[in-house]
C-alpha atoms as a PDB file:
ATOM      1  CA  MET A   1      11.662   1.801  -8.168  1.00  0.00           C
ATOM      2  CA  SER A   2      12.538   2.750  -4.659  1.00  0.00           C
ATOM      3  CA  LEU A   3      10.290   4.884  -2.388  1.00  0.00           C
ATOM      4  CA  GLY A   4      10.613   8.449  -3.611  1.00  0.00           C
ATOM      5  CA  PRO A   5       8.287  11.280  -5.321  1.00  0.00           C
ATOM      6  CA  MET A   6       7.235  10.456  -8.374  1.00  0.00           C
ATOM      7  CA  ASP A   7       9.967   9.794 -10.888  1.00  0.00           C
ATOM      8  CA  HIS A   8       8.434   8.154 -14.170  1.00  0.00           C
ATOM      9  CA  ASP A   9       5.012   9.245 -15.740  1.00  0.00           C
ATOM     10  CA  ASP A  10       4.932   5.477 -16.908  1.00  0.00           C
ATOM     11  CA  ASP A  11       5.046   4.388 -13.533  1.00  0.00           C
ATOM     12  CA  ILE A  12       1.485   5.927 -13.070  1.00  0.00           C
ATOM     13  CA  ASP A  13       0.672   3.306 -15.579  1.00  0.00           C
ATOM     14  CA  ARG A  14       2.191   0.505 -13.667  1.00  0.00           C
ATOM     15  CA  ILE A  15       0.197   1.317 -10.540  1.00  0.00           C
ATOM     16  CA  MET A  16      -2.958   1.643 -12.259  1.00  0.00           C
ATOM     17  CA  GLU A  17      -2.286  -2.052 -13.932  1.00  0.00           C
ATOM     18  CA  VAL A  18      -1.634  -3.497 -10.856  1.00  0.00           C
ATOM     19  CA  MET A  19      -4.664  -1.752  -8.967  1.00  0.00           C
ATOM     20  CA  ALA A  20      -7.261  -2.828 -11.491  1.00  0.00           C
ATOM     21  CA  GLY A  21      -6.068  -6.316 -11.296  1.00  0.00           C
ATOM     22  CA  ALA A  22      -5.825  -6.584  -7.418  1.00  0.00           C
ATOM     23  CA  PHE A  23      -8.729  -4.510  -5.973  1.00  0.00           C
ATOM     24  CA  ALA A  24     -11.997  -6.339  -6.257  1.00  0.00           C
ATOM     25  CA  PRO A  25     -14.554  -4.106  -7.609  1.00  0.00           C
ATOM     26  CA  GLU A  26     -17.150  -4.679  -5.295  1.00  0.00           C
ATOM     27  CA  TYR A  27     -15.326  -3.243  -2.242  1.00  0.00           C
ATOM     28  CA  GLY A  28     -14.547   0.460  -4.420  1.00  0.00           C
ATOM     29  CA  GLU A  29     -11.345   0.765  -2.665  1.00  0.00           C
ATOM     30  CA  ALA A  30      -9.131   1.552  -5.854  1.00  0.00           C
ATOM     31  CA  TRP A  31      -8.001   4.594  -6.897  1.00  0.00           C
ATOM     32  CA  ASN A  32      -8.596   6.558 -10.269  1.00  0.00           C
ATOM     33  CA  ARG A  33      -5.960   7.882 -11.998  1.00  0.00           C
ATOM     34  CA  ARG A  34      -6.209  11.430 -11.138  1.00  0.00           C
ATOM     35  CA  GLN A  35      -6.395  10.280  -7.520  1.00  0.00           C
ATOM     36  CA  ILE A  36      -3.064   8.922  -7.804  1.00  0.00           C
ATOM     37  CA  THR A  37      -1.430  11.590  -9.788  1.00  0.00           C
ATOM     38  CA  ASP A  38      -2.457  14.413  -7.585  1.00  0.00           C
ATOM     39  CA  ALA A  39      -1.036  12.202  -4.264  1.00  0.00           C
ATOM     40  CA  LEU A  40       2.187  11.838  -5.973  1.00  0.00           C
ATOM     41  CA  LEU A  41       2.671  15.433  -6.559  1.00  0.00           C
ATOM     42  CA  LEU A  42       2.858  15.838  -2.787  1.00  0.00           C
ATOM     43  CA  PRO A  43       6.556  15.614  -1.551  1.00  0.00           C
ATOM     44  CA  SER A  44       5.348  13.495   1.388  1.00  0.00           C
ATOM     45  CA  THR A  45       4.146  10.977  -0.740  1.00  0.00           C
ATOM     46  CA  ARG A  46       6.433   8.049  -1.942  1.00  0.00           C
ATOM     47  CA  TYR A  47       5.869   4.784  -3.894  1.00  0.00           C
ATOM     48  CA  CYS A  48       7.463   1.636  -3.897  1.00  0.00           C
ATOM     49  CA  LEU A  49       6.850  -0.819  -7.383  1.00  0.00           C
ATOM     50  CA  ILE A  50       8.035  -4.580  -6.862  1.00  0.00           C
ATOM     51  CA  GLY A  51       8.337  -6.602  -9.856  1.00  0.00           C
ATOM     52  CA  ALA A  52       7.666 -10.394 -10.587  1.00  0.00           C
ATOM     53  CA  ARG A  53      10.986 -11.267  -9.425  1.00  0.00           C
ATOM     54  CA  GLY A  54      11.095  -9.303  -6.577  1.00  0.00           C
ATOM     55  CA  SER A  55      13.188  -6.557  -7.582  1.00  0.00           C
ATOM     56  CA  PHE A  56      12.631  -3.055  -6.767  1.00  0.00           C
ATOM     57  CA  ASP A  57      14.764  -1.597  -9.522  1.00  0.00           C
ATOM     58  CA  VAL A  58      11.689  -2.588 -11.853  1.00  0.00           C
ATOM     59  CA  THR A  59      12.781  -2.558 -15.773  1.00  0.00           C
ATOM     60  CA  ASP A  60      10.566  -2.834 -18.872  1.00  0.00           C
ATOM     61  CA  ASP A  61      11.705  -6.609 -19.127  1.00  0.00           C
ATOM     62  CA  GLU A  62      10.119  -7.518 -15.670  1.00  0.00           C
ATOM     63  CA  PRO A  63       6.309  -7.279 -14.909  1.00  0.00           C
ATOM     64  CA  VAL A  64       5.396  -5.132 -12.331  1.00  0.00           C
ATOM     65  CA  ALA A  65       3.647  -7.439  -9.481  1.00  0.00           C
ATOM     66  CA  GLY A  66       3.029  -4.899  -7.081  1.00  0.00           C
ATOM     67  CA  PHE A  67       3.316  -1.400  -5.365  1.00  0.00           C
ATOM     68  CA  ALA A  68       2.989   0.653  -2.340  1.00  0.00           C
ATOM     69  CA  LEU A  69       1.596   4.023  -1.570  1.00  0.00           C
ATOM     70  CA  THR A  70       2.429   5.890   1.611  1.00  0.00           C
ATOM     71  CA  ARG A  71       2.034   9.573   3.038  1.00  0.00           C
ATOM     72  CA  ALA A  72       4.634  11.040   5.557  1.00  0.00           C
ATOM     73  CA  ILE A  73       3.588  13.437   8.201  1.00  0.00           C
ATOM     74  CA  VAL A  74       6.286  14.592  10.628  1.00  0.00           C
ATOM     75  CA  ASP A  75       7.592  11.156  12.267  1.00  0.00           C
ATOM     76  CA  GLU A  76       4.453   9.287  11.194  1.00  0.00           C
ATOM     77  CA  GLU A  77       3.632   7.310   7.862  1.00  0.00           C
ATOM     78  CA  GLU A  78       0.450   6.210   6.255  1.00  0.00           C
ATOM     79  CA  LEU A  79       0.176   3.337   4.106  1.00  0.00           C
ATOM     80  CA  LEU A  80      -2.072   4.459   1.669  1.00  0.00           C
ATOM     81  CA  LEU A  81      -2.746   1.429  -0.983  1.00  0.00           C
ATOM     82  CA  PHE A  82      -0.725  -1.626  -1.061  1.00  0.00           C
ATOM     83  CA  ALA A  83      -1.716  -4.110  -3.499  1.00  0.00           C
ATOM     84  CA  VAL A  84      -0.158  -7.180  -5.036  1.00  0.00           C
ATOM     85  CA  LEU A  85      -1.553  -8.836  -8.321  1.00  0.00           C
ATOM     86  CA  PRO A  86      -3.551 -12.150  -8.130  1.00  0.00           C
ATOM     87  CA  GLN A  87      -1.224 -13.948  -9.895  1.00  0.00           C
ATOM     88  CA  TYR A  88       1.652 -12.932  -7.774  1.00  0.00           C
ATOM     89  CA  ARG A  89       0.068 -13.849  -4.573  1.00  0.00           C
ATOM     90  CA  ARG A  90       1.429 -16.401  -1.732  1.00  0.00           C
ATOM     91  CA  LYS A  91       4.905 -16.058  -3.404  1.00  0.00           C
ATOM     92  CA  GLY A  92       6.619 -13.652  -0.405  1.00  0.00           C
ATOM     93  CA  LEU A  93       6.307 -10.635  -2.766  1.00  0.00           C
ATOM     94  CA  GLY A  94       3.851  -9.010  -0.495  1.00  0.00           C
ATOM     95  CA  ALA A  95       6.295  -9.533   2.456  1.00  0.00           C
ATOM     96  CA  THR A  96       9.173  -8.406   0.488  1.00  0.00           C
ATOM     97  CA  LEU A  97       7.163  -5.276  -0.368  1.00  0.00           C
ATOM     98  CA  LEU A  98       5.885  -4.295   2.938  1.00  0.00           C
ATOM     99  CA  ALA A  99       9.252  -4.809   4.366  1.00  0.00           C
ATOM    100  CA  GLU A 100      10.909  -2.493   2.176  1.00  0.00           C
ATOM    101  CA  VAL A 101       8.279   0.199   2.960  1.00  0.00           C
ATOM    102  CA  ILE A 102       8.882  -0.215   6.617  1.00  0.00           C
ATOM    103  CA  ALA A 103      12.591  -0.199   6.454  1.00  0.00           C
ATOM    104  CA  ARG A 104      12.530   2.999   4.062  1.00  0.00           C
ATOM    105  CA  ALA A 105      10.162   4.800   6.696  1.00  0.00           C
ATOM    106  CA  ARG A 106      12.406   3.594   9.369  1.00  0.00           C
ATOM    107  CA  SER A 107      15.405   5.081   7.830  1.00  0.00           C
ATOM    108  CA  ARG A 108      13.737   8.181   7.023  1.00  0.00           C
ATOM    109  CA  GLY A 109      13.096   8.735  11.028  1.00  0.00           C
ATOM    110  CA  VAL A 110       9.639   7.350  11.041  1.00  0.00           C
ATOM    111  CA  SER A 111       8.067   6.556  14.527  1.00  0.00           C
ATOM    112  CA  ARG A 112       4.712   4.921  13.454  1.00  0.00           C
ATOM    113  CA  MET A 113       3.354   3.721  10.693  1.00  0.00           C
ATOM    114  CA  PHE A 114      -0.541   3.775  10.248  1.00  0.00           C
ATOM    115  CA  LEU A 115      -3.137   1.833   7.812  1.00  0.00           C
ATOM    116  CA  GLU A 116      -6.945   1.498   7.435  1.00  0.00           C
ATOM    117  CA  MET A 117      -8.437  -1.099   5.679  1.00  0.00           C
ATOM    118  CA  ARG A 118     -11.788  -3.128   5.653  1.00  0.00           C
ATOM    119  CA  ARG A 119     -12.345  -5.687   8.098  1.00  0.00           C
ATOM    120  CA  ASN A 120     -12.631  -8.806   5.706  1.00  0.00           C
ATOM    121  CA  ASN A 121      -9.545  -8.060   4.186  1.00  0.00           C
ATOM    122  CA  PRO A 122      -7.227 -10.970   3.553  1.00  0.00           C
ATOM    123  CA  ALA A 123      -4.201  -8.491   3.798  1.00  0.00           C
ATOM    124  CA  GLY A 124      -4.856  -8.363   7.483  1.00  0.00           C
ATOM    125  CA  LYS A 125      -2.695 -11.560   8.178  1.00  0.00           C
ATOM    126  CA  LEU A 126      -0.017 -10.058   6.051  1.00  0.00           C
ATOM    127  CA  TYR A 127      -0.035  -6.922   8.078  1.00  0.00           C
ATOM    128  CA  THR A 128      -0.430  -8.314  11.816  1.00  0.00           C
ATOM    129  CA  GLY A 129       2.577 -10.761  11.136  1.00  0.00           C
ATOM    130  CA  PHE A 130       4.609  -7.509  10.663  1.00  0.00           C
ATOM    131  CA  GLY A 131       3.355  -6.562  13.974  1.00  0.00           C
ATOM    132  CA  PHE A 132       0.759  -3.979  12.972  1.00  0.00           C
ATOM    133  CA  GLN A 133      -1.880  -3.997  15.683  1.00  0.00           C
ATOM    134  CA  ASN A 134      -5.597  -2.365  15.566  1.00  0.00           C
ATOM    135  CA  ILE A 135      -6.147   0.590  17.552  1.00  0.00           C
ATOM    136  CA  GLY A 136      -9.538   1.644  16.040  1.00  0.00           C
ATOM    137  CA  VAL A 137     -12.954   0.698  13.894  1.00  0.00           C
ATOM    138  CA  ARG A 138     -14.815   3.041  12.020  1.00  0.00           C
ATOM    139  CA  PRO A 139     -18.302   1.100  11.812  1.00  0.00           C
ATOM    140  CA  GLY A 140     -19.864   0.642   8.500  1.00  0.00           C
ATOM    141  CA  TYR A 141     -17.190   2.841   6.846  1.00  0.00           C
ATOM    142  CA  TYR A 142     -17.067   0.935   3.474  1.00  0.00           C
ATOM    143  CA  ARG A 143     -19.949   0.184   1.463  1.00  0.00           C
ATOM    144  CA  THR A 144     -19.927  -2.486  -1.054  1.00  0.00           C
ATOM    145  CA  ALA A 145     -21.310  -2.533  -4.510  1.00  0.00           C
ATOM    146  CA  GLY A 146     -24.224  -4.479  -3.306  1.00  0.00           C
ATOM    147  CA  GLY A 147     -24.727  -2.075  -0.479  1.00  0.00           C
ATOM    148  CA  GLN A 148     -23.351  -3.827   2.354  1.00  0.00           C
ATOM    149  CA  ARG A 149     -21.852  -2.023   4.989  1.00  0.00           C
ATOM    150  CA  LEU A 150     -18.109  -3.030   6.248  1.00  0.00           C
ATOM    151  CA  ASP A 151     -16.103  -1.806   9.240  1.00  0.00           C
ATOM    152  CA  ALA A 152     -12.677  -0.203   8.461  1.00  0.00           C
ATOM    153  CA  LEU A 153      -9.572  -1.295  11.109  1.00  0.00           C
ATOM    154  CA  THR A 154      -7.447   1.060  11.965  1.00  0.00           C
ATOM    155  CA  GLN A 155      -3.946  -0.244  12.507  1.00  0.00           C
ATOM    156  CA  GLU A 156      -0.396   0.935  13.716  1.00  0.00           C
ATOM    157  CA  LEU A 157       2.681  -0.134  14.205  1.00  0.00           C
ATOM    158  CA  GLN A 158       5.649   0.828  16.222  1.00  0.00           C
ATOM    159  CA  ILE A 159       8.606   1.307  14.144  1.00  0.00           C
ATOM    160  CA  SER A 160      11.368   3.167  16.419  1.00  0.00           C
ATOM    161  CA  ASP A 161      10.894   4.444  20.056  1.00  0.00           C
ATOM    162  CA  LYS A 162      11.214   7.958  19.525  1.00  0.00           C
END
């Protein structure tokens, strides 16, 4: 499925399945079905699914390995959610998915992309490898199930010179 407004109701099921398996529950970062559905009602919100074989045109015979959810505002885009199931990590699918998200944003005239993540998020290496840079910190923004407070890092990627 390419980036675009919500096209198929069953894609919400696929997104929820990946989210359930990819987000560690102790951090409370996963969204619920209502949050996803409401976000996808907005024309500025897009999603992208990637299959286990690296396809963006995921069919029923290919398991969904990951997804990205973004929201555009004028010439900027925010990466709201990004997830790859653990069994598909370290196979290049996350990098393929992120490259596709950035390429699609660039083709729509996006000049900057933002994301926010908890400080100890292992995906930080992926984002840094694509050129995202820290531009801010929200001290103690995230709270684990055990009550530990973790900083949120805000990152930015310059996509084009506008």
